[in-house]
């Protein structure tokens, strides 16, 4: 079936890109707590893995197959990361420290669908406005753009919360984000 050795190498490369993309997605889904989806993805992943590894092991005498397997692995990691970036599962908490106190900024962010808690803090050179903002990861870049428009020198730290419980954030942020996106259209 696979008489041409370069066709075989190409098939092995493609299989490994797909396999490692599934592997990466399964790991991310597992870390994010999507148990059942991760289990389903792992079944597909292992089927692809067995086929790809079988092809390589049957043709170990051809170096291009081993190279294709290795290159496919690297490309698969990159593809898996890109897929995860596009899916943007979960939430991000963004901690913003602004050098100016702009009482309207938290309301502007809330109107755009973000969950915001703000307070005045004392920094090295005086009072600062500090905000803790919850956003779905899909809206994170838009949040940074909004902040940068108002305060280009804002100090921003973001992290993924492991657990979110109670409060306004989770339910309300989803609804506000949806409404804000619809109003922009």
Protein backbone atom coordinates (compact mmCIF):
# COMPACT_ATOMS: atom_id res chain seq x y z
CA UNK A 1 0.00 0.00 0.00
CA UNK A 2 2.74 2.47 0.93
CA UNK A 3 5.31 1.82 -1.79
CA UNK A 4 6.71 5.34 -1.82
CA UNK A 5 8.85 5.94 1.28
CA UNK A 6 8.16 9.68 1.27
CA UNK A 7 4.42 9.08 1.22
CA UNK A 8 4.89 6.85 4.28
CA UNK A 9 6.92 9.57 6.02
CA UNK A 10 4.23 12.16 5.24
CA UNK A 11 1.51 9.89 6.61
CA UNK A 12 3.51 9.31 9.80
CA UNK A 13 4.10 13.05 10.17
CA UNK A 14 0.39 13.88 9.79
CA UNK A 15 -0.67 11.10 12.16
CA UNK A 16 1.73 12.32 14.81
CA UNK A 17 0.65 15.96 14.45
CA UNK A 18 -2.96 14.85 15.00
CA UNK A 19 -2.02 12.50 17.85
CA UNK A 20 0.03 15.07 19.78
CA UNK A 21 -2.65 17.73 19.24
CA UNK A 22 -5.16 15.38 20.85
CA UNK A 23 -2.65 14.61 23.62
CA UNK A 24 -2.17 18.31 24.35
CA UNK A 25 -5.91 18.94 24.36
CA UNK A 26 -6.52 15.97 26.67
CA UNK A 27 -3.96 17.31 29.14
CA UNK A 28 -5.52 20.76 29.12
CA UNK A 29 -9.04 19.38 29.47
CA UNK A 30 -7.87 17.23 32.38
CA UNK A 31 -6.23 20.20 34.12
CA UNK A 32 -9.36 22.32 33.61
CA UNK A 33 -11.59 19.63 35.11
CA UNK A 34 -13.40 18.48 31.94
CA UNK A 35 -13.24 14.80 32.96
CA UNK A 36 -15.62 13.21 30.50
CA UNK A 37 -14.49 15.24 27.52
CA UNK A 38 -10.86 14.43 28.39
CA UNK A 39 -11.70 10.72 28.62
CA UNK A 40 -13.40 10.79 25.21
CA UNK A 41 -10.49 12.67 23.62
CA UNK A 42 -8.05 10.15 25.14
CA UNK A 43 -9.84 7.26 23.40
CA UNK A 44 -9.38 8.93 20.01
CA UNK A 45 -5.82 9.89 20.94
CA UNK A 46 -4.77 6.33 21.75
CA UNK A 47 -6.25 4.96 18.52
CA UNK A 48 -4.28 7.48 16.48
CA UNK A 49 -1.15 6.76 18.55
CA UNK A 50 -1.33 3.01 17.96
CA UNK A 51 -1.72 3.46 14.19
CA UNK A 52 1.15 5.97 13.96
CA UNK A 53 3.53 4.05 16.18
CA UNK A 54 2.69 0.83 14.35
CA UNK A 55 3.64 2.40 11.02
CA UNK A 56 6.95 3.63 12.44
CA UNK A 57 7.81 0.31 14.09
CA UNK A 58 7.03 -1.62 10.90
CA UNK A 59 9.43 0.63 9.00
CA UNK A 60 12.24 1.33 11.47
CA UNK A 61 14.83 0.68 8.78
CA UNK A 62 13.94 3.98 7.07
CA UNK A 63 15.33 7.01 8.87
CA UNK A 64 12.85 9.41 7.25
CA UNK A 65 10.02 7.67 9.14
CA UNK A 66 11.72 8.26 12.49
CA UNK A 67 12.45 11.87 11.55
CA UNK A 68 8.83 12.33 10.40
CA UNK A 69 7.64 10.94 13.74
CA UNK A 70 9.84 13.38 15.68
CA UNK A 71 8.94 16.39 13.52
CA UNK A 72 5.26 15.45 13.73
CA UNK A 73 5.53 15.36 17.51
CA UNK A 74 6.95 18.90 17.62
CA UNK A 75 4.40 20.25 15.17
CA UNK A 76 1.65 18.50 17.12
CA UNK A 77 2.65 20.33 20.31
CA UNK A 78 2.47 23.64 18.46
CA UNK A 79 -0.88 22.75 16.87
CA UNK A 80 -2.32 21.63 20.22
CA UNK A 81 -1.27 24.90 21.83
CA UNK A 82 -2.87 26.91 19.01
CA UNK A 83 -6.11 24.94 19.35
CA UNK A 84 -6.16 25.52 23.11
CA UNK A 85 -5.48 29.22 22.55
CA UNK A 86 -8.50 29.42 20.22
CA UNK A 87 -10.76 27.49 22.61
CA UNK A 88 -9.59 29.63 25.58
CA UNK A 89 -11.30 27.50 28.22
CA UNK A 90 -11.93 28.87 31.67
CA UNK A 91 -11.43 32.20 33.34
CA UNK A 92 -8.57 34.57 34.07
CA UNK A 93 -8.26 36.87 37.04
CA UNK A 94 -6.53 40.12 36.19
CA UNK A 95 -5.03 42.29 38.92
CA UNK A 96 -4.61 45.89 37.74
CA UNK A 97 -2.84 48.71 39.58
CA UNK A 98 -3.36 52.16 38.10
CA UNK A 99 -1.31 55.22 39.05
CA UNK A 100 -4.40 57.42 38.76
CA UNK A 101 -7.65 57.06 40.64
CA UNK A 102 -10.35 56.88 38.02
CA UNK A 103 -13.66 56.10 39.72
CA UNK A 104 -15.30 55.58 36.32
CA UNK A 105 -12.93 52.80 35.22
CA UNK A 106 -14.56 49.96 37.24
CA UNK A 107 -17.97 50.97 35.88
CA UNK A 108 -16.65 51.12 32.31
CA UNK A 109 -15.30 47.58 32.72
CA UNK A 110 -18.57 46.37 34.28
CA UNK A 111 -20.54 47.86 31.38
CA UNK A 112 -18.33 45.80 29.07
CA UNK A 113 -19.23 42.61 30.92
CA UNK A 114 -16.32 42.18 33.35
CA UNK A 115 -16.61 41.36 37.04
CA UNK A 116 -14.69 44.06 38.91
CA UNK A 117 -13.78 44.64 42.53
CA UNK A 118 -11.86 47.88 43.11
CA UNK A 119 -10.23 49.66 46.00
CA UNK A 120 -7.77 52.43 46.76
CA UNK A 121 -4.34 51.25 47.87
CA UNK A 122 -1.19 53.01 48.98
CA UNK A 123 1.88 52.53 46.79
CA UNK A 124 5.44 53.79 46.92
CA UNK A 125 4.49 57.16 45.47
CA UNK A 126 1.00 57.62 46.81
CA UNK A 127 -2.53 56.36 46.34
CA UNK A 128 -3.37 53.99 43.52
CA UNK A 129 -6.51 52.38 42.19
CA UNK A 130 -6.40 48.59 42.31
CA UNK A 131 -8.88 46.36 40.52
CA UNK A 132 -9.40 42.65 40.54
CA UNK A 133 -11.19 41.61 37.37
CA UNK A 134 -12.64 38.26 36.35
CA UNK A 135 -12.92 37.54 32.66
CA UNK A 136 -13.50 34.53 30.46
CA UNK A 137 -10.18 33.79 28.74
CA UNK A 138 -11.81 34.48 25.37
CA UNK A 139 -12.29 38.13 26.43
CA UNK A 140 -8.90 38.64 28.06
CA UNK A 141 -7.24 40.45 25.14
CA UNK A 142 -10.19 42.85 24.80
CA UNK A 143 -9.89 43.63 28.52
CA UNK A 144 -6.21 44.53 28.16
CA UNK A 145 -7.05 46.83 25.25
CA UNK A 146 -9.71 48.63 27.31
CA UNK A 147 -7.32 49.11 30.23
CA UNK A 148 -4.50 50.31 27.97
CA UNK A 149 -6.77 52.96 26.39
CA UNK A 150 -7.46 54.51 29.79
CA UNK A 151 -4.14 53.85 31.55
CA UNK A 152 -1.27 52.88 29.20
CA UNK A 153 1.15 52.43 32.12
CA UNK A 154 -1.14 50.27 34.26
CA UNK A 155 0.59 47.43 36.10
CA UNK A 156 -1.21 44.23 35.11
CA UNK A 157 -0.83 40.70 36.47
CA UNK A 158 -3.06 37.86 35.32
CA UNK A 159 -3.51 34.33 36.58
CA UNK A 160 -5.94 31.48 36.22
CA UNK A 161 -8.07 30.86 39.28
CA UNK A 162 -8.22 27.20 40.17
CA UNK A 163 -11.57 27.38 41.91
CA UNK A 164 -14.35 29.97 41.75
CA UNK A 165 -17.19 29.73 44.22
CA UNK A 166 -20.05 32.07 44.96
CA UNK A 167 -20.32 35.75 44.36
CA UNK A 168 -21.52 37.70 41.38
CA UNK A 169 -18.76 36.67 39.02
CA UNK A 170 -19.38 33.35 37.34
CA UNK A 171 -23.08 33.52 36.43
CA UNK A 172 -23.33 37.24 35.90
CA UNK A 173 -20.09 37.63 33.95
CA UNK A 174 -21.25 35.10 31.34
CA UNK A 175 -24.51 37.03 30.83
CA UNK A 176 -22.82 40.43 30.80
CA UNK A 177 -20.15 39.29 28.35
CA UNK A 178 -22.83 37.97 26.01
CA UNK A 179 -24.85 41.19 26.21
CA UNK A 180 -21.77 43.39 25.73
CA UNK A 181 -20.73 41.38 22.66
CA UNK A 182 -24.26 41.61 21.19
CA UNK A 183 -24.36 45.38 21.71
CA UNK A 184 -21.04 45.79 19.85
CA UNK A 185 -22.48 44.01 16.79
